[in-house]
Amino acid sequence: MKRPYRGSTLPPVKTKAVGYVGLKFQDDLSRLVYIVNAEDVGNVTGIYIYQRDRNHNGTIVLDLLNGTRPIKKNAEKLVNTTEEGKITGTISIGGAKKSELQGPLKDKSLSELHM
């Protein structure tokens, strides 16, 4: 059943854009390793993991586009841009630690990310 737009949620957008994300915890749960790929996406301003709540879109708990996080050794962001400014490729790759959790998960373990 489709929910009506009530101002507290984002309205749907028609787009050909597609995004893919791969997430994996290290065995000791000390790090969340990720890769984010996109096809035909424009103007990427953020890539977030949200904690869902009943009344809103949710609260950001982890920023996967954090520019201060180092990229894994020997890994590259492979991005192509079309004439229209649309991006295709790997737009974010790396790993996050529990110290980077935000909002209601700040100071908690990465295991609190229920995926």
PDB file of N, CA and C in Angstrom:
ATOM      1  N   MET A   1       0.836  -1.166   0.000  1.00  0.00           N
ATOM      2  CA  MET A   1       0.000   0.000   0.000  1.00  0.00           C
ATOM      3  C   MET A   1       0.891   1.242   0.000  1.00  0.00           C
ATOM      4  N   LYS A   2       0.640   2.165  -0.889  1.00  0.00           N
ATOM      5  CA  LYS A   2       1.426   3.382  -1.003  1.00  0.00           C
ATOM      6  C   LYS A   2       0.963   4.407   0.027  1.00  0.00           C
ATOM      7  N   ARG A   3       1.933   4.950   0.786  1.00  0.00           N
ATOM      8  CA  ARG A   3       1.608   5.963   1.785  1.00  0.00           C
ATOM      9  C   ARG A   3       1.482   7.325   1.114  1.00  0.00           C
ATOM     10  N   PRO A   4       0.536   8.133   1.534  1.00  0.00           N
ATOM     11  CA  PRO A   4       0.435   9.488   0.981  1.00  0.00           C
ATOM     12  C   PRO A   4       1.569  10.364   1.501  1.00  0.00           C
ATOM     13  N   TYR A   5       1.948  11.357   0.717  1.00  0.00           N
ATOM     14  CA  TYR A   5       2.974  12.301   1.132  1.00  0.00           C
ATOM     15  C   TYR A   5       2.389  13.206   2.207  1.00  0.00           C
ATOM     16  N   ARG A   6       3.038  13.250   3.373  1.00  0.00           N
ATOM     17  CA  ARG A   6       2.532  14.034   4.499  1.00  0.00           C
ATOM     18  C   ARG A   6       3.499  15.133   4.919  1.00  0.00           C
ATOM     19  N   GLY A   7       4.465  15.434   4.095  1.00  0.00           N
ATOM     20  CA  GLY A   7       5.402  16.487   4.449  1.00  0.00           C
ATOM     21  C   GLY A   7       6.565  16.010   5.294  1.00  0.00           C
ATOM     22  N   SER A   8       6.426  14.938   6.036  1.00  0.00           N
ATOM     23  CA  SER A   8       7.521  14.446   6.860  1.00  0.00           C
ATOM     24  C   SER A   8       8.268  13.309   6.158  1.00  0.00           C
ATOM     25  N   THR A   9       7.790  12.905   5.012  1.00  0.00           N
ATOM     26  CA  THR A   9       8.484  11.891   4.230  1.00  0.00           C
ATOM     27  C   THR A   9       8.804  12.477   2.864  1.00  0.00           C
ATOM     28  N   LEU A  10       9.746  11.866   2.184  1.00  0.00           N
ATOM     29  CA  LEU A  10      10.132  12.361   0.867  1.00  0.00           C
ATOM     30  C   LEU A  10       9.163  11.857  -0.190  1.00  0.00           C
ATOM     31  N   PRO A  11       8.758  12.736  -1.106  1.00  0.00           N
ATOM     32  CA  PRO A  11       7.862  12.296  -2.180  1.00  0.00           C
ATOM     33  C   PRO A  11       8.631  11.460  -3.193  1.00  0.00           C
ATOM     34  N   PRO A  12       7.959  10.568  -3.916  1.00  0.00           N
ATOM     35  CA  PRO A  12       8.637   9.748  -4.919  1.00  0.00           C
ATOM     36  C   PRO A  12       9.139  10.613  -6.080  1.00  0.00           C
ATOM     37  N   VAL A  13      10.203  10.151  -6.718  1.00  0.00           N
ATOM     38  CA  VAL A  13      10.795  10.845  -7.853  1.00  0.00           C
ATOM     39  C   VAL A  13      10.942   9.849  -8.992  1.00  0.00           C
ATOM     40  N   LYS A  14      10.541  10.243 -10.211  1.00  0.00           N
ATOM     41  CA  LYS A  14      10.735   9.377 -11.375  1.00  0.00           C
ATOM     42  C   LYS A  14      12.156   9.575 -11.879  1.00  0.00           C
ATOM     43  N   THR A  15      12.886   8.477 -12.009  1.00  0.00           N
ATOM     44  CA  THR A  15      14.274   8.545 -12.438  1.00  0.00           C
ATOM     45  C   THR A  15      14.702   7.216 -13.046  1.00  0.00           C
ATOM     46  N   LYS A  16      15.699   7.270 -13.887  1.00  0.00           N
ATOM     47  CA  LYS A  16      16.318   6.059 -14.437  1.00  0.00           C
ATOM     48  C   LYS A  16      17.512   5.642 -13.589  1.00  0.00           C
ATOM     49  N   ALA A  17      17.849   6.443 -12.605  1.00  0.00           N
ATOM     50  CA  ALA A  17      19.012   6.194 -11.757  1.00  0.00           C
ATOM     51  C   ALA A  17      18.834   4.911 -10.944  1.00  0.00           C
ATOM     52  N   VAL A  18      19.948   4.217 -10.750  1.00  0.00           N
ATOM     53  CA  VAL A  18      19.963   2.984  -9.964  1.00  0.00           C
ATOM     54  C   VAL A  18      21.195   3.024  -9.071  1.00  0.00           C
ATOM     55  N   GLY A  19      21.046   2.575  -7.849  1.00  0.00           N
ATOM     56  CA  GLY A  19      22.178   2.503  -6.938  1.00  0.00           C
ATOM     57  C   GLY A  19      22.293   1.119  -6.336  1.00  0.00           C
ATOM     58  N   TYR A  20      23.522   0.716  -6.083  1.00  0.00           N
ATOM     59  CA  TYR A  20      23.808  -0.590  -5.492  1.00  0.00           C
ATOM     60  C   TYR A  20      24.772  -0.376  -4.330  1.00  0.00           C
ATOM     61  N   VAL A  21      24.540  -1.079  -3.251  1.00  0.00           N
ATOM     62  CA  VAL A  21      25.450  -0.976  -2.114  1.00  0.00           C
ATOM     63  C   VAL A  21      25.792  -2.382  -1.629  1.00  0.00           C
ATOM     64  N   GLY A  22      27.053  -2.582  -1.296  1.00  0.00           N
ATOM     65  CA  GLY A  22      27.512  -3.834  -0.693  1.00  0.00           C
ATOM     66  C   GLY A  22      28.019  -3.520   0.701  1.00  0.00           C
ATOM     67  N   LEU A  23      27.532  -4.242   1.683  1.00  0.00           N
ATOM     68  CA  LEU A  23      27.919  -4.025   3.077  1.00  0.00           C
ATOM     69  C   LEU A  23      28.381  -5.343   3.678  1.00  0.00           C
ATOM     70  N   LYS A  24      29.473  -5.296   4.439  1.00  0.00           N
ATOM     71  CA  LYS A  24      29.967  -6.509   5.090  1.00  0.00           C
ATOM     72  C   LYS A  24      30.693  -6.116   6.373  1.00  0.00           C
ATOM     73  N   PHE A  25      30.363  -6.798   7.460  1.00  0.00           N
ATOM     74  CA  PHE A  25      31.085  -6.589   8.711  1.00  0.00           C
ATOM     75  C   PHE A  25      32.351  -7.425   8.714  1.00  0.00           C
ATOM     76  N   GLN A  26      33.426  -6.880   9.306  1.00  0.00           N
ATOM     77  CA  GLN A  26      34.579  -7.714   9.576  1.00  0.00           C
ATOM     78  C   GLN A  26      34.151  -8.727  10.633  1.00  0.00           C
ATOM     79  N   ASP A  27      34.842  -9.853  10.702  1.00  0.00           N
ATOM     80  CA  ASP A  27      34.443 -10.937  11.606  1.00  0.00           C
ATOM     81  C   ASP A  27      34.261 -10.489  13.056  1.00  0.00           C
ATOM     82  N   ASP A  28      35.085  -9.551  13.516  1.00  0.00           N
ATOM     83  CA  ASP A  28      34.981  -9.109  14.911  1.00  0.00           C
ATOM     84  C   ASP A  28      34.022  -7.920  15.094  1.00  0.00           C
ATOM     85  N   LEU A  29      33.300  -7.558  14.049  1.00  0.00           N
ATOM     86  CA  LEU A  29      32.331  -6.458  14.055  1.00  0.00           C
ATOM     87  C   LEU A  29      32.954  -5.099  14.386  1.00  0.00           C
ATOM     88  N   SER A  30      34.258  -4.968  14.197  1.00  0.00           N
ATOM     89  CA  SER A  30      34.924  -3.708  14.509  1.00  0.00           C
ATOM     90  C   SER A  30      34.868  -2.714  13.351  1.00  0.00           C
ATOM     91  N   ARG A  31      34.462  -3.188  12.191  1.00  0.00           N
ATOM     92  CA  ARG A  31      34.454  -2.332  11.002  1.00  0.00           C
ATOM     93  C   ARG A  31      33.376  -2.805  10.038  1.00  0.00           C
ATOM     94  N   LEU A  32      32.683  -1.848   9.423  1.00  0.00           N
ATOM     95  CA  LEU A  32      31.712  -2.129   8.380  1.00  0.00           C
ATOM     96  C   LEU A  32      32.349  -1.706   7.061  1.00  0.00           C
ATOM     97  N   VAL A  33      32.579  -2.660   6.181  1.00  0.00           N
ATOM     98  CA  VAL A  33      33.203  -2.396   4.892  1.00  0.00           C
ATOM     99  C   VAL A  33      32.085  -2.231   3.872  1.00  0.00           C
ATOM    100  N   TYR A  34      32.242  -1.256   2.973  1.00  0.00           N
ATOM    101  CA  TYR A  34      31.159  -0.978   2.034  1.00  0.00           C
ATOM    102  C   TYR A  34      31.699  -0.541   0.672  1.00  0.00           C
ATOM    103  N   ILE A  35      30.837  -0.691  -0.324  1.00  0.00           N
ATOM    104  CA  ILE A  35      31.064  -0.151  -1.657  1.00  0.00           C
ATOM    105  C   ILE A  35      29.713   0.322  -2.178  1.00  0.00           C
ATOM    106  N   VAL A  36      29.699   1.494  -2.783  1.00  0.00           N
ATOM    107  CA  VAL A  36      28.463   2.057  -3.320  1.00  0.00           C
ATOM    108  C   VAL A  36      28.686   2.351  -4.804  1.00  0.00           C
ATOM    109  N   ASN A  37      27.859   1.759  -5.638  1.00  0.00           N
ATOM    110  CA  ASN A  37      27.911   1.969  -7.078  1.00  0.00           C
ATOM    111  C   ASN A  37      26.598   2.597  -7.529  1.00  0.00           C
ATOM    112  N   ALA A  38      26.683   3.392  -8.581  1.00  0.00           N
ATOM    113  CA  ALA A  38      25.497   4.056  -9.095  1.00  0.00           C
ATOM    114  C   ALA A  38      25.531   4.079 -10.616  1.00  0.00           C
ATOM    115  N   GLU A  39      24.347   4.156 -11.195  1.00  0.00           N
ATOM    116  CA  GLU A  39      24.210   4.307 -12.637  1.00  0.00           C
ATOM    117  C   GLU A  39      23.256   5.459 -12.904  1.00  0.00           C
ATOM    118  N   ASP A  40      23.724   6.428 -13.678  1.00  0.00           N
ATOM    119  CA  ASP A  40      22.891   7.535 -14.148  1.00  0.00           C
ATOM    120  C   ASP A  40      22.351   8.393 -13.003  1.00  0.00           C
ATOM    121  N   VAL A  41      23.220   8.677 -12.018  1.00  0.00           N
ATOM    122  CA  VAL A  41      22.843   9.484 -10.865  1.00  0.00           C
ATOM    123  C   VAL A  41      23.477  10.867 -11.012  1.00  0.00           C
ATOM    124  N   GLY A  42      22.735  11.895 -10.671  1.00  0.00           N
ATOM    125  CA  GLY A  42      23.279  13.239 -10.730  1.00  0.00           C
ATOM    126  C   GLY A  42      23.376  13.872  -9.368  1.00  0.00           C
ATOM    127  N   ASN A  43      24.383  14.716  -9.175  1.00  0.00           N
ATOM    128  CA  ASN A  43      24.521  15.544  -7.986  1.00  0.00           C
ATOM    129  C   ASN A  43      24.421  14.755  -6.679  1.00  0.00           C
ATOM    130  N   VAL A  44      25.335  13.830  -6.458  1.00  0.00           N
ATOM    131  CA  VAL A  44      25.352  13.048  -5.218  1.00  0.00           C
ATOM    132  C   VAL A  44      25.870  13.938  -4.097  1.00  0.00           C
ATOM    133  N   THR A  45      25.029  14.172  -3.102  1.00  0.00           N
ATOM    134  CA  THR A  45      25.404  15.025  -1.978  1.00  0.00           C
ATOM    135  C   THR A  45      25.534  14.248  -0.677  1.00  0.00           C
ATOM    136  N   GLY A  46      25.088  13.015  -0.658  1.00  0.00           N
ATOM    137  CA  GLY A  46      25.189  12.214   0.549  1.00  0.00           C
ATOM    138  C   GLY A  46      24.802  10.776   0.291  1.00  0.00           C
ATOM    139  N   ILE A  47      25.395   9.884   1.052  1.00  0.00           N
ATOM    140  CA  ILE A  47      25.047   8.465   1.026  1.00  0.00           C
ATOM    141  C   ILE A  47      24.962   8.053   2.495  1.00  0.00           C
ATOM    142  N   TYR A  48      23.763   7.766   2.949  1.00  0.00           N
ATOM    143  CA  TYR A  48      23.544   7.549   4.371  1.00  0.00           C
ATOM    144  C   TYR A  48      22.879   6.212   4.664  1.00  0.00           C
ATOM    145  N   ILE A  49      23.167   5.704   5.858  1.00  0.00           N
ATOM    146  CA  ILE A  49      22.387   4.612   6.430  1.00  0.00           C
ATOM    147  C   ILE A  49      21.516   5.261   7.503  1.00  0.00           C
ATOM    148  N   TYR A  50      20.228   4.969   7.430  1.00  0.00           N
ATOM    149  CA  TYR A  50      19.260   5.550   8.352  1.00  0.00           C
ATOM    150  C   TYR A  50      18.744   4.492   9.319  1.00  0.00           C
ATOM    151  N   GLN A  51      18.381   4.937  10.510  1.00  0.00           N
ATOM    152  CA  GLN A  51      17.625   4.093  11.424  1.00  0.00           C
ATOM    153  C   GLN A  51      16.170   4.496  11.241  1.00  0.00           C
ATOM    154  N   ARG A  52      15.366   3.557  10.871  1.00  0.00           N
ATOM    155  CA  ARG A  52      13.961   3.829  10.574  1.00  0.00           C
ATOM    156  C   ARG A  52      13.187   4.164  11.845  1.00  0.00           C
ATOM    157  N   ASP A  53      12.241   5.062  11.688  1.00  0.00           N
ATOM    158  CA  ASP A  53      11.284   5.292  12.759  1.00  0.00           C
ATOM    159  C   ASP A  53       9.886   5.289  12.145  1.00  0.00           C
ATOM    160  N   ARG A  54       8.878   5.240  12.957  1.00  0.00           N
ATOM    161  CA  ARG A  54       7.505   5.053  12.479  1.00  0.00           C
ATOM    162  C   ARG A  54       6.914   6.279  11.790  1.00  0.00           C
ATOM    163  N   ASN A  55       7.352   7.467  12.127  1.00  0.00           N
ATOM    164  CA  ASN A  55       6.673   8.674  11.670  1.00  0.00           C
ATOM    165  C   ASN A  55       7.434   9.481  10.626  1.00  0.00           C
ATOM    166  N   HIS A  56       8.677   9.176  10.380  1.00  0.00           N
ATOM    167  CA  HIS A  56       9.491   9.982   9.487  1.00  0.00           C
ATOM    168  C   HIS A  56      10.331   9.095   8.580  1.00  0.00           C
ATOM    169  N   ASN A  57      11.215   9.720   7.810  1.00  0.00           N
ATOM    170  CA  ASN A  57      12.123   8.980   6.941  1.00  0.00           C
ATOM    171  C   ASN A  57      13.163   8.212   7.736  1.00  0.00           C
ATOM    172  N   GLY A  58      13.418   8.622   8.941  1.00  0.00           N
ATOM    173  CA  GLY A  58      14.421   7.995   9.778  1.00  0.00           C
ATOM    174  C   GLY A  58      15.493   8.988  10.160  1.00  0.00           C
ATOM    175  N   THR A  59      16.452   8.524  10.927  1.00  0.00           N
ATOM    176  CA  THR A  59      17.533   9.355  11.416  1.00  0.00           C
ATOM    177  C   THR A  59      18.845   8.825  10.865  1.00  0.00           C
ATOM    178  N   ILE A  60      19.702   9.707  10.383  1.00  0.00           N
ATOM    179  CA  ILE A  60      21.003   9.288   9.862  1.00  0.00           C
ATOM    180  C   ILE A  60      21.824   8.705  10.997  1.00  0.00           C
ATOM    181  N   VAL A  61      22.379   7.501  10.761  1.00  0.00           N
ATOM    182  CA  VAL A  61      23.256   6.890  11.752  1.00  0.00           C
ATOM    183  C   VAL A  61      24.670   6.666  11.217  1.00  0.00           C
ATOM    184  N   LEU A  62      24.846   6.724   9.877  1.00  0.00           N
ATOM    185  CA  LEU A  62      26.181   6.555   9.309  1.00  0.00           C
ATOM    186  C   LEU A  62      26.245   7.214   7.941  1.00  0.00           C
ATOM    187  N   ASP A  63      27.294   7.982   7.714  1.00  0.00           N
ATOM    188  CA  ASP A  63      27.526   8.676   6.451  1.00  0.00           C
ATOM    189  C   ASP A  63      28.561   7.889   5.657  1.00  0.00           C
ATOM    190  N   LEU A  64      28.154   7.315   4.519  1.00  0.00           N
ATOM    191  CA  LEU A  64      29.069   6.529   3.694  1.00  0.00           C
ATOM    192  C   LEU A  64      29.823   7.378   2.671  1.00  0.00           C
ATOM    193  N   LEU A  65      29.550   8.669   2.631  1.00  0.00           N
ATOM    194  CA  LEU A  65      30.251   9.554   1.709  1.00  0.00           C
ATOM    195  C   LEU A  65      31.208  10.460   2.478  1.00  0.00           C
ATOM    196  N   ASN A  66      31.490  10.110   3.702  1.00  0.00           N
ATOM    197  CA  ASN A  66      32.362  10.895   4.566  1.00  0.00           C
ATOM    198  C   ASN A  66      33.734  11.053   3.916  1.00  0.00           C
ATOM    199  N   GLY A  67      34.059  12.276   3.525  1.00  0.00           N
ATOM    200  CA  GLY A  67      35.307  12.542   2.827  1.00  0.00           C
ATOM    201  C   GLY A  67      36.544  12.407   3.680  1.00  0.00           C
ATOM    202  N   THR A  68      36.413  12.338   4.999  1.00  0.00           N
ATOM    203  CA  THR A  68      37.588  12.232   5.862  1.00  0.00           C
ATOM    204  C   THR A  68      38.028  10.786   6.074  1.00  0.00           C
ATOM    205  N   ARG A  69      37.211   9.825   5.668  1.00  0.00           N
ATOM    206  CA  ARG A  69      37.531   8.417   5.866  1.00  0.00           C
ATOM    207  C   ARG A  69      38.496   7.969   4.760  1.00  0.00           C
ATOM    208  N   PRO A  70      39.606   7.319   5.099  1.00  0.00           N
ATOM    209  CA  PRO A  70      40.544   6.896   4.057  1.00  0.00           C
ATOM    210  C   PRO A  70      39.964   5.782   3.190  1.00  0.00           C
ATOM    211  N   ILE A  71      40.343   5.795   1.922  1.00  0.00           N
ATOM    212  CA  ILE A  71      39.942   4.727   1.001  1.00  0.00           C
ATOM    213  C   ILE A  71      40.899   3.564   1.184  1.00  0.00           C
ATOM    214  N   LYS A  72      40.369   2.359   1.115  1.00  0.00           N
ATOM    215  CA  LYS A  72      41.174   1.153   1.275  1.00  0.00           C
ATOM    216  C   LYS A  72      42.359   1.173   0.311  1.00  0.00           C
ATOM    217  N   LYS A  73      43.494   0.713   0.788  1.00  0.00           N
ATOM    218  CA  LYS A  73      44.706   0.660  -0.029  1.00  0.00           C
ATOM    219  C   LYS A  73      44.440  -0.135  -1.310  1.00  0.00           C
ATOM    220  N   ASN A  74      44.935   0.348  -2.423  1.00  0.00           N
ATOM    221  CA  ASN A  74      44.791  -0.268  -3.752  1.00  0.00           C
ATOM    222  C   ASN A  74      43.360  -0.247  -4.281  1.00  0.00           C
ATOM    223  N   ALA A  75      42.470   0.520  -3.656  1.00  0.00           N
ATOM    224  CA  ALA A  75      41.091   0.660  -4.155  1.00  0.00           C
ATOM    225  C   ALA A  75      40.939   2.051  -4.746  1.00  0.00           C
ATOM    226  N   GLU A  76      40.127   2.161  -5.766  1.00  0.00           N
ATOM    227  CA  GLU A  76      39.921   3.445  -6.416  1.00  0.00           C
ATOM    228  C   GLU A  76      38.435   3.704  -6.604  1.00  0.00           C
ATOM    229  N   LYS A  77      38.076   4.981  -6.591  1.00  0.00           N
ATOM    230  CA  LYS A  77      36.736   5.365  -7.005  1.00  0.00           C
ATOM    231  C   LYS A  77      36.772   5.416  -8.526  1.00  0.00           C
ATOM    232  N   LEU A  78      35.950   4.657  -9.184  1.00  0.00           N
ATOM    233  CA  LEU A  78      35.916   4.610 -10.639  1.00  0.00           C
ATOM    234  C   LEU A  78      34.612   5.230 -11.098  1.00  0.00           C
ATOM    235  N   VAL A  79      34.668   6.480 -11.508  1.00  0.00           N
ATOM    236  CA  VAL A  79      33.457   7.211 -11.847  1.00  0.00           C
ATOM    237  C   VAL A  79      33.573   7.777 -13.252  1.00  0.00           C
ATOM    238  N   ASN A  80      32.527   7.605 -14.019  1.00  0.00           N
ATOM    239  CA  ASN A  80      32.404   8.242 -15.329  1.00  0.00           C
ATOM    240  C   ASN A  80      31.262   9.236 -15.242  1.00  0.00           C
ATOM    241  N   THR A  81      31.428  10.374 -15.890  1.00  0.00           N
ATOM    242  CA  THR A  81      30.390  11.402 -15.908  1.00  0.00           C
ATOM    243  C   THR A  81      29.962  11.650 -17.347  1.00  0.00           C
ATOM    244  N   THR A  82      28.641  11.652 -17.572  1.00  0.00           N
ATOM    245  CA  THR A  82      28.111  11.902 -18.907  1.00  0.00           C
ATOM    246  C   THR A  82      28.103  13.399 -19.196  1.00  0.00           C
ATOM    247  N   GLU A  83      27.810  13.758 -20.434  1.00  0.00           N
ATOM    248  CA  GLU A  83      27.718  15.171 -20.809  1.00  0.00           C
ATOM    249  C   GLU A  83      26.633  15.891 -20.006  1.00  0.00           C
ATOM    250  N   GLU A  84      25.593  15.168 -19.604  1.00  0.00           N
ATOM    251  CA  GLU A  84      24.498  15.755 -18.820  1.00  0.00           C
ATOM    252  C   GLU A  84      24.854  15.866 -17.340  1.00  0.00           C
ATOM    253  N   GLY A  85      26.038  15.403 -16.951  1.00  0.00           N
ATOM    254  CA  GLY A  85      26.450  15.474 -15.552  1.00  0.00           C
ATOM    255  C   GLY A  85      26.018  14.289 -14.718  1.00  0.00           C
ATOM    256  N   LYS A  86      25.533  13.229 -15.346  1.00  0.00           N
ATOM    257  CA  LYS A  86      25.118  12.027 -14.615  1.00  0.00           C
ATOM    258  C   LYS A  86      26.343  11.161 -14.325  1.00  0.00           C
ATOM    259  N   ILE A  87      26.365  10.558 -13.148  1.00  0.00           N
ATOM    260  CA  ILE A  87      27.499   9.757 -12.688  1.00  0.00           C
ATOM    261  C   ILE A  87      27.177   8.276 -12.787  1.00  0.00           C
ATOM    262  N   THR A  88      28.154   7.495 -13.229  1.00  0.00           N
ATOM    263  CA  THR A  88      28.056   6.041 -13.246  1.00  0.00           C
ATOM    264  C   THR A  88      29.374   5.484 -12.728  1.00  0.00           C
ATOM    265  N   GLY A  89      29.294   4.554 -11.793  1.00  0.00           N
ATOM    266  CA  GLY A  89      30.507   3.915 -11.291  1.00  0.00           C
ATOM    267  C   GLY A  89      30.514   3.790  -9.789  1.00  0.00           C
ATOM    268  N   THR A  90      31.709   3.530  -9.237  1.00  0.00           N
ATOM    269  CA  THR A  90      31.893   3.402  -7.793  1.00  0.00           C
ATOM    270  C   THR A  90      32.037   4.802  -7.219  1.00  0.00           C
ATOM    271  N   ILE A  91      31.054   5.223  -6.428  1.00  0.00           N
ATOM    272  CA  ILE A  91      31.088   6.580  -5.895  1.00  0.00           C
ATOM    273  C   ILE A  91      31.557   6.642  -4.445  1.00  0.00           C
ATOM    274  N   SER A  92      31.600   5.500  -3.784  1.00  0.00           N
ATOM    275  CA  SER A  92      32.119   5.466  -2.421  1.00  0.00           C
ATOM    276  C   SER A  92      32.567   4.047  -2.095  1.00  0.00           C
ATOM    277  N   ILE A  93      33.729   3.960  -1.458  1.00  0.00           N
ATOM    278  CA  ILE A  93      34.262   2.663  -1.054  1.00  0.00           C
ATOM    279  C   ILE A  93      35.104   2.880   0.194  1.00  0.00           C
ATOM    280  N   GLY A  94      34.983   1.987   1.156  1.00  0.00           N
ATOM    281  CA  GLY A  94      35.779   2.147   2.364  1.00  0.00           C
ATOM    282  C   GLY A  94      35.282   1.305   3.512  1.00  0.00           C
ATOM    283  N   GLY A  95      35.596   1.756   4.710  1.00  0.00           N
ATOM    284  CA  GLY A  95      35.188   1.062   5.921  1.00  0.00           C
ATOM    285  C   GLY A  95      34.886   2.067   7.015  1.00  0.00           C
ATOM    286  N   ALA A  96      33.940   1.756   7.857  1.00  0.00           N
ATOM    287  CA  ALA A  96      33.535   2.648   8.942  1.00  0.00           C
ATOM    288  C   ALA A  96      33.690   1.947  10.287  1.00  0.00           C
ATOM    289  N   LYS A  97      34.067   2.723  11.298  1.00  0.00           N
ATOM    290  CA  LYS A  97      34.219   2.208  12.657  1.00  0.00           C
ATOM    291  C   LYS A  97      33.091   2.718  13.537  1.00  0.00           C
ATOM    292  N   LYS A  98      32.938   2.122  14.713  1.00  0.00           N
ATOM    293  CA  LYS A  98      31.836   2.500  15.598  1.00  0.00           C
ATOM    294  C   LYS A  98      31.913   3.961  16.018  1.00  0.00           C
ATOM    295  N   SER A  99      33.089   4.527  16.049  1.00  0.00           N
ATOM    296  CA  SER A  99      33.235   5.935  16.437  1.00  0.00           C
ATOM    297  C   SER A  99      32.580   6.883  15.431  1.00  0.00           C
ATOM    298  N   GLU A 100      32.221   6.380  14.238  1.00  0.00           N
ATOM    299  CA  GLU A 100      31.596   7.208  13.211  1.00  0.00           C
ATOM    300  C   GLU A 100      30.069   7.143  13.237  1.00  0.00           C
ATOM    301  N   LEU A 101      29.514   6.323  14.115  1.00  0.00           N
ATOM    302  CA  LEU A 101      28.058   6.258  14.225  1.00  0.00           C
ATOM    303  C   LEU A 101      27.526   7.579  14.764  1.00  0.00           C
ATOM    304  N   GLN A 102      26.331   7.946  14.296  1.00  0.00           N
ATOM    305  CA  GLN A 102      25.712   9.215  14.656  1.00  0.00           C
ATOM    306  C   GLN A 102      24.323   8.979  15.247  1.00  0.00           C
ATOM    307  N   GLY A 103      23.698  10.053  15.658  1.00  0.00           N
ATOM    308  CA  GLY A 103      22.311   9.995  16.115  1.00  0.00           C
ATOM    309  C   GLY A 103      22.121   9.024  17.253  1.00  0.00           C
ATOM    310  N   PRO A 104      21.038   8.230  17.211  1.00  0.00           N
ATOM    311  CA  PRO A 104      20.727   7.325  18.314  1.00  0.00           C
ATOM    312  C   PRO A 104      21.738   6.194  18.491  1.00  0.00           C
ATOM    313  N   LEU A 105      22.626   5.982  17.513  1.00  0.00           N
ATOM    314  CA  LEU A 105      23.630   4.918  17.639  1.00  0.00           C
ATOM    315  C   LEU A 105      24.998   5.440  18.052  1.00  0.00           C
ATOM    316  N   LYS A 106      25.121   6.753  18.278  1.00  0.00           N
ATOM    317  CA  LYS A 106      26.397   7.331  18.700  1.00  0.00           C
ATOM    318  C   LYS A 106      26.872   6.635  19.971  1.00  0.00           C
ATOM    319  N   ASP A 107      28.153   6.285  19.995  1.00  0.00           N
ATOM    320  CA  ASP A 107      28.799   5.612  21.131  1.00  0.00           C
ATOM    321  C   ASP A 107      28.319   4.176  21.335  1.00  0.00           C
ATOM    322  N   LYS A 108      27.637   3.608  20.346  1.00  0.00           N
ATOM    323  CA  LYS A 108      27.193   2.213  20.440  1.00  0.00           C
ATOM    324  C   LYS A 108      28.045   1.346  19.518  1.00  0.00           C
ATOM    325  N   SER A 109      27.833   0.063  19.564  1.00  0.00           N
ATOM    326  CA  SER A 109      28.574  -0.893  18.740  1.00  0.00           C
ATOM    327  C   SER A 109      28.008  -0.928  17.320  1.00  0.00           C
ATOM    328  N   LEU A 110      28.856  -1.253  16.345  1.00  0.00           N
ATOM    329  CA  LEU A 110      28.388  -1.428  14.973  1.00  0.00           C
ATOM    330  C   LEU A 110      27.331  -2.533  14.871  1.00  0.00           C
ATOM    331  N   SER A 111      27.349  -3.468  15.816  1.00  0.00           N
ATOM    332  CA  SER A 111      26.353  -4.547  15.793  1.00  0.00           C
ATOM    333  C   SER A 111      24.940  -4.014  15.981  1.00  0.00           C
ATOM    334  N   GLU A 112      24.809  -2.759  16.433  1.00  0.00           N
ATOM    335  CA  GLU A 112      23.496  -2.145  16.598  1.00  0.00           C
ATOM    336  C   GLU A 112      22.839  -1.815  15.252  1.00  0.00           C
ATOM    337  N   LEU A 113      23.616  -1.862  14.181  1.00  0.00           N
ATOM    338  CA  LEU A 113      23.047  -1.630  12.846  1.00  0.00           C
ATOM    339  C   LEU A 113      22.285  -2.887  12.444  1.00  0.00           C
ATOM    340  N   HIS A 114      20.994  -2.868  12.588  1.00  0.00           N
ATOM    341  CA  HIS A 114      20.166  -4.030  12.245  1.00  0.00           C
ATOM    342  C   HIS A 114      19.820  -3.936  10.775  1.00  0.00           C
ATOM    343  N   MET A 115      20.470  -4.759   9.962  1.00  0.00           N
ATOM    344  CA  MET A 115      20.238  -4.698   8.511  1.00  0.00           C
ATOM    345  C   MET A 115      19.486  -5.901   8.058  1.00  0.00           C
TER     346      MET A 115
END
